Each structure stands twice: as C-alpha cells, then as structure tokens.
Amino acid sequence: QLQLVESGGGLVQPGGSLRLSCVASGSTLDAYAIGWFRQAPGKEREGVSCISRSGIMTSTADSVRGRFTISRDNAKNTVYLQMNSLKPEDTAVYYCAAVGSYYGSLQPANYVYWGQGTQVTVSS
C-alpha cells in the first residue's frame, strides 16, 4: 500500500519561502500522478498543483501560479512543492496525494492515496 508523508511546513513571514516534501513508501512514485492540495479552516480542500508521472506536465491553480512550483524526483520517491512569495492567504494544511494515472488533476475526488498534511502558516 502506498503511503505518503509530508514535511517542510512551518511558520514563515509574508514574502518568504518554503519547500514542502512528500515522501512515498510501500510503493514507488513513478507509477502515480501527484497532486498538492490545501485546506484552510472553514474552507473546502482545493487543488494547488499537480504533476504527471514523468514530471514533464504540470498544472497549477490560478491563485498560486508564478509563485509555487511542483517537481518530482522519482529516484528519491519524493515530490516537492516550492512555495515562494508566500501570502497570509496561503495559510492552510497542505496535503500531497497520488493517483495511478499518467496525468493528474486539481480535483481532490480523483485521488486515491493521501498524506496526513503539513501546516503552513504565513504571518508576521
């Protein structure tokens, strides 16, 4: 069974950067498209960015486009979310998820495997 564990969250000031990591175990990530999602208090879970199995194709939400970059290193069984120019509205629990398709989506319902999330707080 594929298991995903996120790390790299924390408290950062507006304009700062964080890099989130999602490490897989139980299986290799190269058979899965990967998505990053986030959920703020009182809000529905929303798609942030996703990446194809090969890492060539990506899709990014309008709210973070130009600031966040998704990437993957299949040899390390890890997917990353580089977050730059962070804003207070980026504050949320961030989750990575996997689905056995060549190209993912920003729709949470399409994903099968989920991590437990990592908290990102952007505040002065």
C-alpha atoms as a PDB file:
ATOM      1  CA  GLN A   1       0.000   0.000   0.000  1.00  0.00           C
ATOM      2  CA  LEU A   2       1.300   3.414  -0.927  1.00  0.00           C
ATOM      3  CA  GLN A   3       1.870   5.760   1.997  1.00  0.00           C
ATOM      4  CA  LEU A   4       2.672   9.453   1.716  1.00  0.00           C
ATOM      5  CA  VAL A   5       4.254  11.666   4.367  1.00  0.00           C
ATOM      6  CA  GLU A   6       4.507  15.435   4.005  1.00  0.00           C
ATOM      7  CA  SER A   7       7.120  17.609   5.668  1.00  0.00           C
ATOM      8  CA  GLY A   8       8.571  21.092   5.420  1.00  0.00           C
ATOM      9  CA  GLY A   9       5.697  23.155   6.734  1.00  0.00           C
ATOM     10  CA  GLY A  10       6.050  25.783   9.393  1.00  0.00           C
ATOM     11  CA  LEU A  11       5.709  29.454  10.215  1.00  0.00           C
ATOM     12  CA  VAL A  12       7.035  31.916   7.655  1.00  0.00           C
ATOM     13  CA  GLN A  13       6.715  35.661   7.161  1.00  0.00           C
ATOM     14  CA  PRO A  14       4.884  37.124   4.168  1.00  0.00           C
ATOM     15  CA  GLY A  15       7.173  37.135   1.163  1.00  0.00           C
ATOM     16  CA  GLY A  16       9.127  34.178   2.459  1.00  0.00           C
ATOM     17  CA  SER A  17       9.620  30.727   1.002  1.00  0.00           C
ATOM     18  CA  LEU A  18       9.122  27.123   1.998  1.00  0.00           C
ATOM     19  CA  ARG A  19       9.726  23.835   0.254  1.00  0.00           C
ATOM     20  CA  LEU A  20       7.347  21.030   1.074  1.00  0.00           C
ATOM     21  CA  SER A  21       8.333  17.422   0.540  1.00  0.00           C
ATOM     22  CA  CYS A  22       6.182  14.347   0.115  1.00  0.00           C
ATOM     23  CA  VAL A  23       7.965  11.031   0.552  1.00  0.00           C
ATOM     24  CA  ALA A  24       6.370   7.782  -0.555  1.00  0.00           C
ATOM     25  CA  SER A  25       6.773   4.347   0.958  1.00  0.00           C
ATOM     26  CA  GLY A  26       5.254   0.962   0.240  1.00  0.00           C
ATOM     27  CA  SER A  27       5.492   1.566  -3.486  1.00  0.00           C
ATOM     28  CA  THR A  28       7.372   3.750  -5.946  1.00  0.00           C
ATOM     29  CA  LEU A  29       6.014   7.106  -7.039  1.00  0.00           C
ATOM     30  CA  ASP A  30       6.833   6.689 -10.714  1.00  0.00           C
ATOM     31  CA  ALA A  31       3.513   4.901 -11.306  1.00  0.00           C
ATOM     32  CA  TYR A  32       1.472   7.819  -9.990  1.00  0.00           C
ATOM     33  CA  ALA A  33       0.492  11.317 -10.871  1.00  0.00           C
ATOM     34  CA  ILE A  34       0.861  13.530  -7.799  1.00  0.00           C
ATOM     35  CA  GLY A  35      -1.129  16.497  -6.596  1.00  0.00           C
ATOM     36  CA  TRP A  36      -0.688  19.061  -3.867  1.00  0.00           C
ATOM     37  CA  PHE A  37      -3.826  20.312  -2.127  1.00  0.00           C
ATOM     38  CA  ARG A  38      -4.546  22.656   0.730  1.00  0.00           C
ATOM     39  CA  GLN A  39      -7.332  23.266   3.182  1.00  0.00           C
ATOM     40  CA  ALA A  40      -7.761  26.355   5.319  1.00  0.00           C
ATOM     41  CA  PRO A  41     -10.102  26.489   8.335  1.00  0.00           C
ATOM     42  CA  GLY A  42     -13.704  26.734   7.195  1.00  0.00           C
ATOM     43  CA  LYS A  43     -12.749  26.194   3.555  1.00  0.00           C
ATOM     44  CA  GLU A  44     -13.055  23.266   1.209  1.00  0.00           C
ATOM     45  CA  ARG A  45      -9.965  21.403   0.127  1.00  0.00           C
ATOM     46  CA  GLU A  46      -8.598  22.901  -3.067  1.00  0.00           C
ATOM     47  CA  GLY A  47      -6.103  21.794  -5.645  1.00  0.00           C
ATOM     48  CA  VAL A  48      -2.806  23.674  -5.724  1.00  0.00           C
ATOM     49  CA  SER A  49      -0.683  21.930  -8.322  1.00  0.00           C
ATOM     50  CA  CYS A  50      -0.254  18.533  -9.908  1.00  0.00           C
ATOM     51  CA  ILE A  51       2.418  16.750 -11.893  1.00  0.00           C
ATOM     52  CA  SER A  52       2.398  13.875 -14.352  1.00  0.00           C
ATOM     53  CA  ARG A  53       4.134  10.565 -13.803  1.00  0.00           C
ATOM     54  CA  SER A  54       7.142  11.642 -15.812  1.00  0.00           C
ATOM     55  CA  GLY A  55       7.285  15.121 -14.321  1.00  0.00           C
ATOM     56  CA  ILE A  56       7.008  16.775 -17.717  1.00  0.00           C
ATOM     57  CA  MET A  57       3.447  18.072 -17.461  1.00  0.00           C
ATOM     58  CA  THR A  58       2.143  20.203 -14.618  1.00  0.00           C
ATOM     59  CA  SER A  59      -0.973  22.161 -13.781  1.00  0.00           C
ATOM     60  CA  THR A  60      -1.171  24.961 -11.227  1.00  0.00           C
ATOM     61  CA  ALA A  61      -4.067  26.843  -9.673  1.00  0.00           C
ATOM     62  CA  ASP A  62      -4.541  30.485 -10.619  1.00  0.00           C
ATOM     63  CA  SER A  63      -4.119  31.556  -7.006  1.00  0.00           C
ATOM     64  CA  VAL A  64      -0.523  30.312  -6.807  1.00  0.00           C
ATOM     65  CA  ARG A  65       0.649  30.383 -10.415  1.00  0.00           C
ATOM     66  CA  GLY A  66       4.010  32.080 -10.731  1.00  0.00           C
ATOM     67  CA  ARG A  67       4.769  31.595  -7.041  1.00  0.00           C
ATOM     68  CA  PHE A  68       4.563  27.827  -6.480  1.00  0.00           C
ATOM     69  CA  THR A  69       6.404  25.141  -8.424  1.00  0.00           C
ATOM     70  CA  ILE A  70       5.788  21.419  -8.257  1.00  0.00           C
ATOM     71  CA  SER A  71       8.515  18.925  -9.095  1.00  0.00           C
ATOM     72  CA  ARG A  72       9.364  15.314  -8.501  1.00  0.00           C
ATOM     73  CA  ASP A  73      12.393  13.116  -8.095  1.00  0.00           C
ATOM     74  CA  ASN A  74      11.259   9.581  -8.738  1.00  0.00           C
ATOM     75  CA  ALA A  75      14.661   8.176  -7.789  1.00  0.00           C
ATOM     76  CA  LYS A  76      14.150   9.623  -4.310  1.00  0.00           C
ATOM     77  CA  ASN A  77      10.464   8.681  -4.229  1.00  0.00           C
ATOM     78  CA  THR A  78       9.723  12.312  -3.436  1.00  0.00           C
ATOM     79  CA  VAL A  79       7.590  15.130  -4.795  1.00  0.00           C
ATOM     80  CA  TYR A  80       8.195  18.759  -3.866  1.00  0.00           C
ATOM     81  CA  LEU A  81       6.250  21.973  -3.709  1.00  0.00           C
ATOM     82  CA  GLN A  82       8.459  25.046  -3.780  1.00  0.00           C
ATOM     83  CA  MET A  83       6.484  27.988  -2.414  1.00  0.00           C
ATOM     84  CA  ASN A  84       7.819  31.498  -2.941  1.00  0.00           C
ATOM     85  CA  SER A  85       6.405  34.952  -2.234  1.00  0.00           C
ATOM     86  CA  LEU A  86       4.095  33.495   0.367  1.00  0.00           C
ATOM     87  CA  LYS A  87       0.991  35.407   1.385  1.00  0.00           C
ATOM     88  CA  PRO A  88      -1.170  35.151   4.509  1.00  0.00           C
ATOM     89  CA  GLU A  89      -3.943  33.666   2.381  1.00  0.00           C
ATOM     90  CA  ASP A  90      -1.649  30.709   1.646  1.00  0.00           C
ATOM     91  CA  THR A  91      -2.053  29.614   5.267  1.00  0.00           C
ATOM     92  CA  ALA A  92      -3.504  26.101   5.273  1.00  0.00           C
ATOM     93  CA  VAL A  93      -2.777  22.456   5.847  1.00  0.00           C
ATOM     94  CA  TYR A  94      -1.059  21.171   2.721  1.00  0.00           C
ATOM     95  CA  TYR A  95      -1.577  17.613   1.538  1.00  0.00           C
ATOM     96  CA  CYS A  96       0.023  15.532  -1.150  1.00  0.00           C
ATOM     97  CA  ALA A  97      -1.952  12.841  -2.920  1.00  0.00           C
ATOM     98  CA  ALA A  98      -1.388  10.198  -5.572  1.00  0.00           C
ATOM     99  CA  VAL A  99      -3.454   8.551  -8.275  1.00  0.00           C
ATOM    100  CA  GLY A 100      -2.483   5.818 -10.719  1.00  0.00           C
ATOM    101  CA  SER A 101      -2.839   7.802 -13.915  1.00  0.00           C
ATOM    102  CA  TYR A 102      -0.323   9.392 -16.228  1.00  0.00           C
ATOM    103  CA  TYR A 103      -1.556  12.929 -15.611  1.00  0.00           C
ATOM    104  CA  GLY A 104      -3.301  14.209 -12.508  1.00  0.00           C
ATOM    105  CA  SER A 105      -5.831  16.929 -11.885  1.00  0.00           C
ATOM    106  CA  LEU A 106      -6.659  19.599  -9.330  1.00  0.00           C
ATOM    107  CA  GLN A 107      -9.797  17.781  -8.211  1.00  0.00           C
ATOM    108  CA  PRO A 108      -9.377  16.086  -4.805  1.00  0.00           C
ATOM    109  CA  ALA A 109     -12.003  13.440  -5.563  1.00  0.00           C
ATOM    110  CA  ASN A 110      -9.803  11.980  -8.292  1.00  0.00           C
ATOM    111  CA  TYR A 111      -7.031  10.946  -5.877  1.00  0.00           C
ATOM    112  CA  VAL A 112      -6.729   7.659  -4.054  1.00  0.00           C
ATOM    113  CA  TYR A 113      -3.778   7.979  -1.665  1.00  0.00           C
ATOM    114  CA  TRP A 114      -3.345  10.880   0.736  1.00  0.00           C
ATOM    115  CA  GLY A 115      -0.800  12.045   3.252  1.00  0.00           C
ATOM    116  CA  GLN A 116      -1.698  13.436   6.657  1.00  0.00           C
ATOM    117  CA  GLY A 117      -0.780  17.000   5.791  1.00  0.00           C
ATOM    118  CA  THR A 118       1.674  19.615   6.980  1.00  0.00           C
ATOM    119  CA  GLN A 119       0.733  23.014   8.393  1.00  0.00           C
ATOM    120  CA  VAL A 120       1.875  26.151   6.594  1.00  0.00           C
ATOM    121  CA  THR A 121       1.305  29.433   8.407  1.00  0.00           C
ATOM    122  CA  VAL A 122       2.183  32.755   6.777  1.00  0.00           C
ATOM    123  CA  SER A 123       2.144  35.550   9.320  1.00  0.00           C
ATOM    124  CA  SER A 124       4.184  38.435  10.657  1.00  0.00           C
END
